[in-house]
Amino acid sequence: MELFGTPFTFADEVAKPVIVGNNMHLTIHPKDVEEATKMFAALKEGGEVFLPPTETFYSPFHASVKDRFGIVWNIIVV
């Protein structure tokens, strides 16, 4: 799917215990690290960081954050 011109995907997650809101994560694919950094900063306001921005073998930027509404986002530059 696309949101404001940026592709994103959905993924079911296995978290224990399963509670409302923690069984699905959204993954957004910004075009570059600069855009990803801005998204991460906005989503973490009032939320909780699960994975701080990290460089991996598959991405120069991968982070995970729960926003202030309880939605978990993965941010991955591909």
PDB file of N, CA and C in Angstrom:
ATOM      1  N   MET A   1       0.846  -1.165   0.000  1.00  0.00           N
ATOM      2  CA  MET A   1       0.000   0.000   0.000  1.00  0.00           C
ATOM      3  C   MET A   1       0.896   1.232   0.000  1.00  0.00           C
ATOM      4  N   GLU A   2       0.251   2.371  -0.230  1.00  0.00           N
ATOM      5  CA  GLU A   2       0.983   3.620  -0.244  1.00  0.00           C
ATOM      6  C   GLU A   2       0.282   4.639   0.644  1.00  0.00           C
ATOM      7  N   LEU A   3       1.069   5.369   1.415  1.00  0.00           N
ATOM      8  CA  LEU A   3       0.547   6.388   2.314  1.00  0.00           C
ATOM      9  C   LEU A   3       1.351   7.658   2.078  1.00  0.00           C
ATOM     10  N   PHE A   4       0.707   8.699   1.577  1.00  0.00           N
ATOM     11  CA  PHE A   4       1.384   9.963   1.272  1.00  0.00           C
ATOM     12  C   PHE A   4       2.596   9.755   0.375  1.00  0.00           C
ATOM     13  N   GLY A   5       2.457   8.877  -0.607  1.00  0.00           N
ATOM     14  CA  GLY A   5       3.532   8.639  -1.554  1.00  0.00           C
ATOM     15  C   GLY A   5       4.629   7.720  -1.073  1.00  0.00           C
ATOM     16  N   THR A   6       4.477   7.138   0.127  1.00  0.00           N
ATOM     17  CA  THR A   6       5.493   6.243   0.681  1.00  0.00           C
ATOM     18  C   THR A   6       4.902   4.848   0.841  1.00  0.00           C
ATOM     19  N   PRO A   7       5.550   3.831   0.254  1.00  0.00           N
ATOM     20  CA  PRO A   7       5.014   2.474   0.395  1.00  0.00           C
ATOM     21  C   PRO A   7       5.124   1.964   1.830  1.00  0.00           C
ATOM     22  N   PHE A   8       4.135   1.156   2.229  1.00  0.00           N
ATOM     23  CA  PHE A   8       4.207   0.491   3.532  1.00  0.00           C
ATOM     24  C   PHE A   8       3.514  -0.849   3.455  1.00  0.00           C
ATOM     25  N   THR A   9       3.847  -1.728   4.399  1.00  0.00           N
ATOM     26  CA  THR A   9       3.295  -3.074   4.416  1.00  0.00           C
ATOM     27  C   THR A   9       2.781  -3.398   5.814  1.00  0.00           C
ATOM     28  N   PHE A  10       2.037  -4.469   5.915  1.00  0.00           N
ATOM     29  CA  PHE A  10       1.504  -4.954   7.184  1.00  0.00           C
ATOM     30  C   PHE A  10       2.148  -6.298   7.483  1.00  0.00           C
ATOM     31  N   ALA A  11       2.348  -6.598   8.751  1.00  0.00           N
ATOM     32  CA  ALA A  11       2.868  -7.916   9.123  1.00  0.00           C
ATOM     33  C   ALA A  11       2.264  -8.323  10.454  1.00  0.00           C
ATOM     34  N   ASP A  12       1.810  -9.577  10.523  1.00  0.00           N
ATOM     35  CA  ASP A  12       1.351 -10.062  11.823  1.00  0.00           C
ATOM     36  C   ASP A  12       2.581 -10.441  12.636  1.00  0.00           C
ATOM     37  N   GLU A  13       2.504 -10.214  13.922  1.00  0.00           N
ATOM     38  CA  GLU A  13       3.632 -10.444  14.815  1.00  0.00           C
ATOM     39  C   GLU A  13       3.208 -11.377  15.929  1.00  0.00           C
ATOM     40  N   VAL A  14       4.139 -12.168  16.388  1.00  0.00           N
ATOM     41  CA  VAL A  14       3.870 -13.054  17.514  1.00  0.00           C
ATOM     42  C   VAL A  14       4.514 -12.431  18.743  1.00  0.00           C
ATOM     43  N   ALA A  15       3.699 -11.857  19.586  1.00  0.00           N
ATOM     44  CA  ALA A  15       4.174 -11.260  20.829  1.00  0.00           C
ATOM     45  C   ALA A  15       3.418 -11.916  21.971  1.00  0.00           C
ATOM     46  N   LYS A  16       4.091 -12.100  23.062  1.00  0.00           N
ATOM     47  CA  LYS A  16       3.423 -12.732  24.202  1.00  0.00           C
ATOM     48  C   LYS A  16       3.507 -11.804  25.382  1.00  0.00           C
ATOM     49  N   PRO A  17       2.453 -11.598  26.068  1.00  0.00           N
ATOM     50  CA  PRO A  17       1.119 -12.088  25.750  1.00  0.00           C
ATOM     51  C   PRO A  17       0.497 -11.261  24.636  1.00  0.00           C
ATOM     52  N   VAL A  18      -0.426 -11.881  23.915  1.00  0.00           N
ATOM     53  CA  VAL A  18      -1.138 -11.174  22.862  1.00  0.00           C
ATOM     54  C   VAL A  18      -2.177 -10.274  23.509  1.00  0.00           C
ATOM     55  N   ILE A  19      -2.077  -8.991  23.200  1.00  0.00           N
ATOM     56  CA  ILE A  19      -3.062  -8.024  23.666  1.00  0.00           C
ATOM     57  C   ILE A  19      -3.505  -7.191  22.481  1.00  0.00           C
ATOM     58  N   VAL A  20      -4.620  -6.530  22.607  1.00  0.00           N
ATOM     59  CA  VAL A  20      -5.116  -5.697  21.510  1.00  0.00           C
ATOM     60  C   VAL A  20      -4.031  -4.705  21.120  1.00  0.00           C
ATOM     61  N   GLY A  21      -3.687  -4.701  19.834  1.00  0.00           N
ATOM     62  CA  GLY A  21      -2.722  -3.746  19.323  1.00  0.00           C
ATOM     63  C   GLY A  21      -1.321  -4.261  19.122  1.00  0.00           C
ATOM     64  N   ASN A  22      -0.943  -5.408  19.706  1.00  0.00           N
ATOM     65  CA  ASN A  22       0.449  -5.844  19.548  1.00  0.00           C
ATOM     66  C   ASN A  22       0.597  -7.017  18.580  1.00  0.00           C
ATOM     67  N   ASN A  23      -0.454  -7.381  17.885  1.00  0.00           N
ATOM     68  CA  ASN A  23      -0.361  -8.534  16.993  1.00  0.00           C
ATOM     69  C   ASN A  23      -0.211  -8.145  15.527  1.00  0.00           C
ATOM     70  N   MET A  24      -0.098  -6.847  15.229  1.00  0.00           N
ATOM     71  CA  MET A  24       0.134  -6.404  13.858  1.00  0.00           C
ATOM     72  C   MET A  24       1.043  -5.188  13.889  1.00  0.00           C
ATOM     73  N   HIS A  25       2.035  -5.197  13.022  1.00  0.00           N
ATOM     74  CA  HIS A  25       2.938  -4.064  12.891  1.00  0.00           C
ATOM     75  C   HIS A  25       2.829  -3.513  11.480  1.00  0.00           C
ATOM     76  N   LEU A  26       3.012  -2.214  11.345  1.00  0.00           N
ATOM     77  CA  LEU A  26       3.073  -1.574  10.044  1.00  0.00           C
ATOM     78  C   LEU A  26       4.537  -1.310   9.728  1.00  0.00           C
ATOM     79  N   THR A  27       4.917  -1.523   8.488  1.00  0.00           N
ATOM     80  CA  THR A  27       6.282  -1.257   8.061  1.00  0.00           C
ATOM     81  C   THR A  27       6.242  -0.233   6.947  1.00  0.00           C
ATOM     82  N   ILE A  28       6.974   0.862   7.156  1.00  0.00           N
ATOM     83  CA  ILE A  28       7.022   1.923   6.161  1.00  0.00           C
ATOM     84  C   ILE A  28       8.418   1.928   5.543  1.00  0.00           C
ATOM     85  N   HIS A  29       8.473   2.208   4.242  1.00  0.00           N
ATOM     86  CA  HIS A  29       9.723   2.135   3.488  1.00  0.00           C
ATOM     87  C   HIS A  29      10.069   3.508   2.910  1.00  0.00           C
ATOM     88  N   PRO A  30      10.622   4.409   3.720  1.00  0.00           N
ATOM     89  CA  PRO A  30      11.014   5.709   3.191  1.00  0.00           C
ATOM     90  C   PRO A  30      12.148   5.566   2.178  1.00  0.00           C
ATOM     91  N   LYS A  31      12.317   6.603   1.368  1.00  0.00           N
ATOM     92  CA  LYS A  31      13.268   6.504   0.258  1.00  0.00           C
ATOM     93  C   LYS A  31      14.731   6.633   0.674  1.00  0.00           C
ATOM     94  N   ASP A  32      14.986   7.282   1.836  1.00  0.00           N
ATOM     95  CA  ASP A  32      16.372   7.453   2.260  1.00  0.00           C
ATOM     96  C   ASP A  32      16.440   7.618   3.779  1.00  0.00           C
ATOM     97  N   VAL A  33      17.672   7.632   4.292  1.00  0.00           N
ATOM     98  CA  VAL A  33      17.892   7.710   5.737  1.00  0.00           C
ATOM     99  C   VAL A  33      17.370   9.031   6.306  1.00  0.00           C
ATOM    100  N   GLU A  34      17.520  10.108   5.563  1.00  0.00           N
ATOM    101  CA  GLU A  34      17.044  11.416   6.042  1.00  0.00           C
ATOM    102  C   GLU A  34      15.534  11.398   6.283  1.00  0.00           C
ATOM    103  N   GLU A  35      14.788  10.872   5.319  1.00  0.00           N
ATOM    104  CA  GLU A  35      13.332  10.772   5.471  1.00  0.00           C
ATOM    105  C   GLU A  35      12.973   9.815   6.614  1.00  0.00           C
ATOM    106  N   ALA A  36      13.699   8.703   6.720  1.00  0.00           N
ATOM    107  CA  ALA A  36      13.445   7.730   7.784  1.00  0.00           C
ATOM    108  C   ALA A  36      13.679   8.355   9.158  1.00  0.00           C
ATOM    109  N   THR A  37      14.717   9.155   9.273  1.00  0.00           N
ATOM    110  CA  THR A  37      15.035   9.810  10.540  1.00  0.00           C
ATOM    111  C   THR A  37      13.913  10.748  10.964  1.00  0.00           C
ATOM    112  N   LYS A  38      13.358  11.497  10.021  1.00  0.00           N
ATOM    113  CA  LYS A  38      12.242  12.406  10.314  1.00  0.00           C
ATOM    114  C   LYS A  38      11.009  11.620  10.759  1.00  0.00           C
ATOM    115  N   MET A  39      10.712  10.522  10.079  1.00  0.00           N
ATOM    116  CA  MET A  39       9.564   9.691  10.441  1.00  0.00           C
ATOM    117  C   MET A  39       9.743   9.109  11.837  1.00  0.00           C
ATOM    118  N   PHE A  40      10.937   8.601  12.108  1.00  0.00           N
ATOM    119  CA  PHE A  40      11.223   8.009  13.413  1.00  0.00           C
ATOM    120  C   PHE A  40      11.038   9.042  14.521  1.00  0.00           C
ATOM    121  N   ALA A  41      11.571  10.237  14.318  1.00  0.00           N
ATOM    122  CA  ALA A  41      11.460  11.302  15.326  1.00  0.00           C
ATOM    123  C   ALA A  41       9.999  11.649  15.601  1.00  0.00           C
ATOM    124  N   ALA A  42       9.192  11.713  14.561  1.00  0.00           N
ATOM    125  CA  ALA A  42       7.770  12.050  14.730  1.00  0.00           C
ATOM    126  C   ALA A  42       7.014  10.924  15.433  1.00  0.00           C
ATOM    127  N   LEU A  43       7.280   9.679  15.059  1.00  0.00           N
ATOM    128  CA  LEU A  43       6.556   8.547  15.632  1.00  0.00           C
ATOM    129  C   LEU A  43       6.932   8.276  17.085  1.00  0.00           C
ATOM    130  N   LYS A  44       8.162   8.580  17.469  1.00  0.00           N
ATOM    131  CA  LYS A  44       8.581   8.279  18.842  1.00  0.00           C
ATOM    132  C   LYS A  44       8.078   9.303  19.855  1.00  0.00           C
ATOM    133  N   GLU A  45       7.580  10.467  19.397  1.00  0.00           N
ATOM    134  CA  GLU A  45       7.049  11.484  20.307  1.00  0.00           C
ATOM    135  C   GLU A  45       5.863  10.910  21.076  1.00  0.00           C
ATOM    136  N   GLY A  46       6.019  10.761  22.362  1.00  0.00           N
ATOM    137  CA  GLY A  46       4.956  10.205  23.194  1.00  0.00           C
ATOM    138  C   GLY A  46       4.805   8.705  23.075  1.00  0.00           C
ATOM    139  N   GLY A  47       5.736   8.063  22.373  1.00  0.00           N
ATOM    140  CA  GLY A  47       5.650   6.622  22.177  1.00  0.00           C
ATOM    141  C   GLY A  47       6.780   5.883  22.880  1.00  0.00           C
ATOM    142  N   GLU A  48       7.119   4.718  22.356  1.00  0.00           N
ATOM    143  CA  GLU A  48       8.141   3.861  22.959  1.00  0.00           C
ATOM    144  C   GLU A  48       9.017   3.267  21.859  1.00  0.00           C
ATOM    145  N   VAL A  49      10.306   3.445  21.985  1.00  0.00           N
ATOM    146  CA  VAL A  49      11.252   2.907  21.001  1.00  0.00           C
ATOM    147  C   VAL A  49      11.539   1.446  21.335  1.00  0.00           C
ATOM    148  N   PHE A  50      11.316   0.571  20.360  1.00  0.00           N
ATOM    149  CA  PHE A  50      11.651  -0.847  20.515  1.00  0.00           C
ATOM    150  C   PHE A  50      13.037  -1.145  19.946  1.00  0.00           C
ATOM    151  N   LEU A  51      13.353  -0.551  18.796  1.00  0.00           N
ATOM    152  CA  LEU A  51      14.656  -0.721  18.153  1.00  0.00           C
ATOM    153  C   LEU A  51      15.110   0.652  17.677  1.00  0.00           C
ATOM    154  N   PRO A  52      16.170   1.194  18.264  1.00  0.00           N
ATOM    155  CA  PRO A  52      16.660   2.491  17.791  1.00  0.00           C
ATOM    156  C   PRO A  52      17.208   2.334  16.369  1.00  0.00           C
ATOM    157  N   PRO A  53      17.339   3.428  15.637  1.00  0.00           N
ATOM    158  CA  PRO A  53      17.863   3.319  14.267  1.00  0.00           C
ATOM    159  C   PRO A  53      19.157   2.531  14.224  1.00  0.00           C
ATOM    160  N   THR A  54      19.159   1.516  13.363  1.00  0.00           N
ATOM    161  CA  THR A  54      20.267   0.578  13.260  1.00  0.00           C
ATOM    162  C   THR A  54      20.564   0.318  11.794  1.00  0.00           C
ATOM    163  N   GLU A  55      21.847   0.211  11.454  1.00  0.00           N
ATOM    164  CA  GLU A  55      22.230  -0.201  10.109  1.00  0.00           C
ATOM    165  C   GLU A  55      22.359  -1.714  10.104  1.00  0.00           C
ATOM    166  N   THR A  56      21.779  -2.356   9.087  1.00  0.00           N
ATOM    167  CA  THR A  56      21.808  -3.814   8.988  1.00  0.00           C
ATOM    168  C   THR A  56      22.362  -4.218   7.620  1.00  0.00           C
ATOM    169  N   PHE A  57      22.501  -5.514   7.408  1.00  0.00           N
ATOM    170  CA  PHE A  57      22.976  -5.994   6.109  1.00  0.00           C
ATOM    171  C   PHE A  57      21.955  -5.744   5.008  1.00  0.00           C
ATOM    172  N   TYR A  58      20.694  -5.555   5.368  1.00  0.00           N
ATOM    173  CA  TYR A  58      19.641  -5.356   4.371  1.00  0.00           C
ATOM    174  C   TYR A  58      19.155  -3.914   4.284  1.00  0.00           C
ATOM    175  N   SER A  59      19.645  -3.042   5.166  1.00  0.00           N
ATOM    176  CA  SER A  59      19.150  -1.668   5.166  1.00  0.00           C
ATOM    177  C   SER A  59      20.131  -0.730   5.870  1.00  0.00           C
ATOM    178  N   PRO A  60      20.280   0.506   5.362  1.00  0.00           N
ATOM    179  CA  PRO A  60      21.086   1.487   6.079  1.00  0.00           C
ATOM    180  C   PRO A  60      20.355   2.072   7.286  1.00  0.00           C
ATOM    181  N   PHE A  61      19.052   1.757   7.409  1.00  0.00           N
ATOM    182  CA  PHE A  61      18.248   2.278   8.521  1.00  0.00           C
ATOM    183  C   PHE A  61      17.094   1.327   8.791  1.00  0.00           C
ATOM    184  N   HIS A  62      17.072   0.764   9.994  1.00  0.00           N
ATOM    185  CA  HIS A  62      15.948  -0.048  10.437  1.00  0.00           C
ATOM    186  C   HIS A  62      15.673   0.349  11.878  1.00  0.00           C
ATOM    187  N   ALA A  63      14.434   0.714  12.169  1.00  0.00           N
ATOM    188  CA  ALA A  63      14.031   1.091  13.522  1.00  0.00           C
ATOM    189  C   ALA A  63      12.623   0.566  13.766  1.00  0.00           C
ATOM    190  N   SER A  64      12.265   0.429  15.041  1.00  0.00           N
ATOM    191  CA  SER A  64      10.922  -0.005  15.416  1.00  0.00           C
ATOM    192  C   SER A  64      10.464   0.840  16.595  1.00  0.00           C
ATOM    193  N   VAL A  65       9.236   1.347  16.497  1.00  0.00           N
ATOM    194  CA  VAL A  65       8.713   2.249  17.516  1.00  0.00           C
ATOM    195  C   VAL A  65       7.198   2.087  17.637  1.00  0.00           C
ATOM    196  N   LYS A  66       6.716   2.181  18.874  1.00  0.00           N
ATOM    197  CA  LYS A  66       5.271   2.218  19.095  1.00  0.00           C
ATOM    198  C   LYS A  66       4.894   3.683  19.233  1.00  0.00           C
ATOM    199  N   ASP A  67       3.955   4.154  18.413  1.00  0.00           N
ATOM    200  CA  ASP A  67       3.576   5.560  18.473  1.00  0.00           C
ATOM    201  C   ASP A  67       2.653   5.842  19.653  1.00  0.00           C
ATOM    202  N   ARG A  68       2.302   7.075  19.856  1.00  0.00           N
ATOM    203  CA  ARG A  68       1.486   7.469  21.014  1.00  0.00           C
ATOM    204  C   ARG A  68       0.082   6.881  20.986  1.00  0.00           C
ATOM    205  N   PHE A  69      -0.320   6.320  19.839  1.00  0.00           N
ATOM    206  CA  PHE A  69      -1.634   5.695  19.717  1.00  0.00           C
ATOM    207  C   PHE A  69      -1.576   4.183  19.912  1.00  0.00           C
ATOM    208  N   GLY A  70      -0.368   3.640  20.153  1.00  0.00           N
ATOM    209  CA  GLY A  70      -0.205   2.217  20.382  1.00  0.00           C
ATOM    210  C   GLY A  70       0.060   1.404  19.137  1.00  0.00           C
ATOM    211  N   ILE A  71       0.287   2.057  18.010  1.00  0.00           N
ATOM    212  CA  ILE A  71       0.577   1.348  16.758  1.00  0.00           C
ATOM    213  C   ILE A  71       2.084   1.156  16.646  1.00  0.00           C
ATOM    214  N   VAL A  72       2.500  -0.078  16.345  1.00  0.00           N
ATOM    215  CA  VAL A  72       3.916  -0.383  16.209  1.00  0.00           C
ATOM    216  C   VAL A  72       4.312  -0.229  14.733  1.00  0.00           C
ATOM    217  N   TRP A  73       5.373   0.537  14.514  1.00  0.00           N
ATOM    218  CA  TRP A  73       5.899   0.823  13.183  1.00  0.00           C
ATOM    219  C   TRP A  73       7.314   0.297  13.065  1.00  0.00           C
ATOM    220  N   ASN A  74       7.593  -0.383  11.972  1.00  0.00           N
ATOM    221  CA  ASN A  74       8.968  -0.667  11.549  1.00  0.00           C
ATOM    222  C   ASN A  74       9.265   0.346  10.453  1.00  0.00           C
ATOM    223  N   ILE A  75      10.437   0.938  10.511  1.00  0.00           N
ATOM    224  CA  ILE A  75      10.866   1.887   9.480  1.00  0.00           C
ATOM    225  C   ILE A  75      12.115   1.289   8.852  1.00  0.00           C
ATOM    226  N   ILE A  76      12.011   0.952   7.564  1.00  0.00           N
ATOM    227  CA  ILE A  76      13.123   0.263   6.890  1.00  0.00           C
ATOM    228  C   ILE A  76      13.373   0.924   5.537  1.00  0.00           C
ATOM    229  N   VAL A  77      14.566   1.463   5.365  1.00  0.00           N
ATOM    230  CA  VAL A  77      14.971   1.988   4.067  1.00  0.00           C
ATOM    231  C   VAL A  77      15.450   0.813   3.240  1.00  0.00           C
ATOM    232  N   VAL A  78      14.912   0.667   2.028  1.00  0.00           N
ATOM    233  CA  VAL A  78      15.331  -0.439   1.164  1.00  0.00           C
ATOM    234  C   VAL A  78      15.924   0.090  -0.117  1.00  0.00           C
TER     235      VAL A  78
END
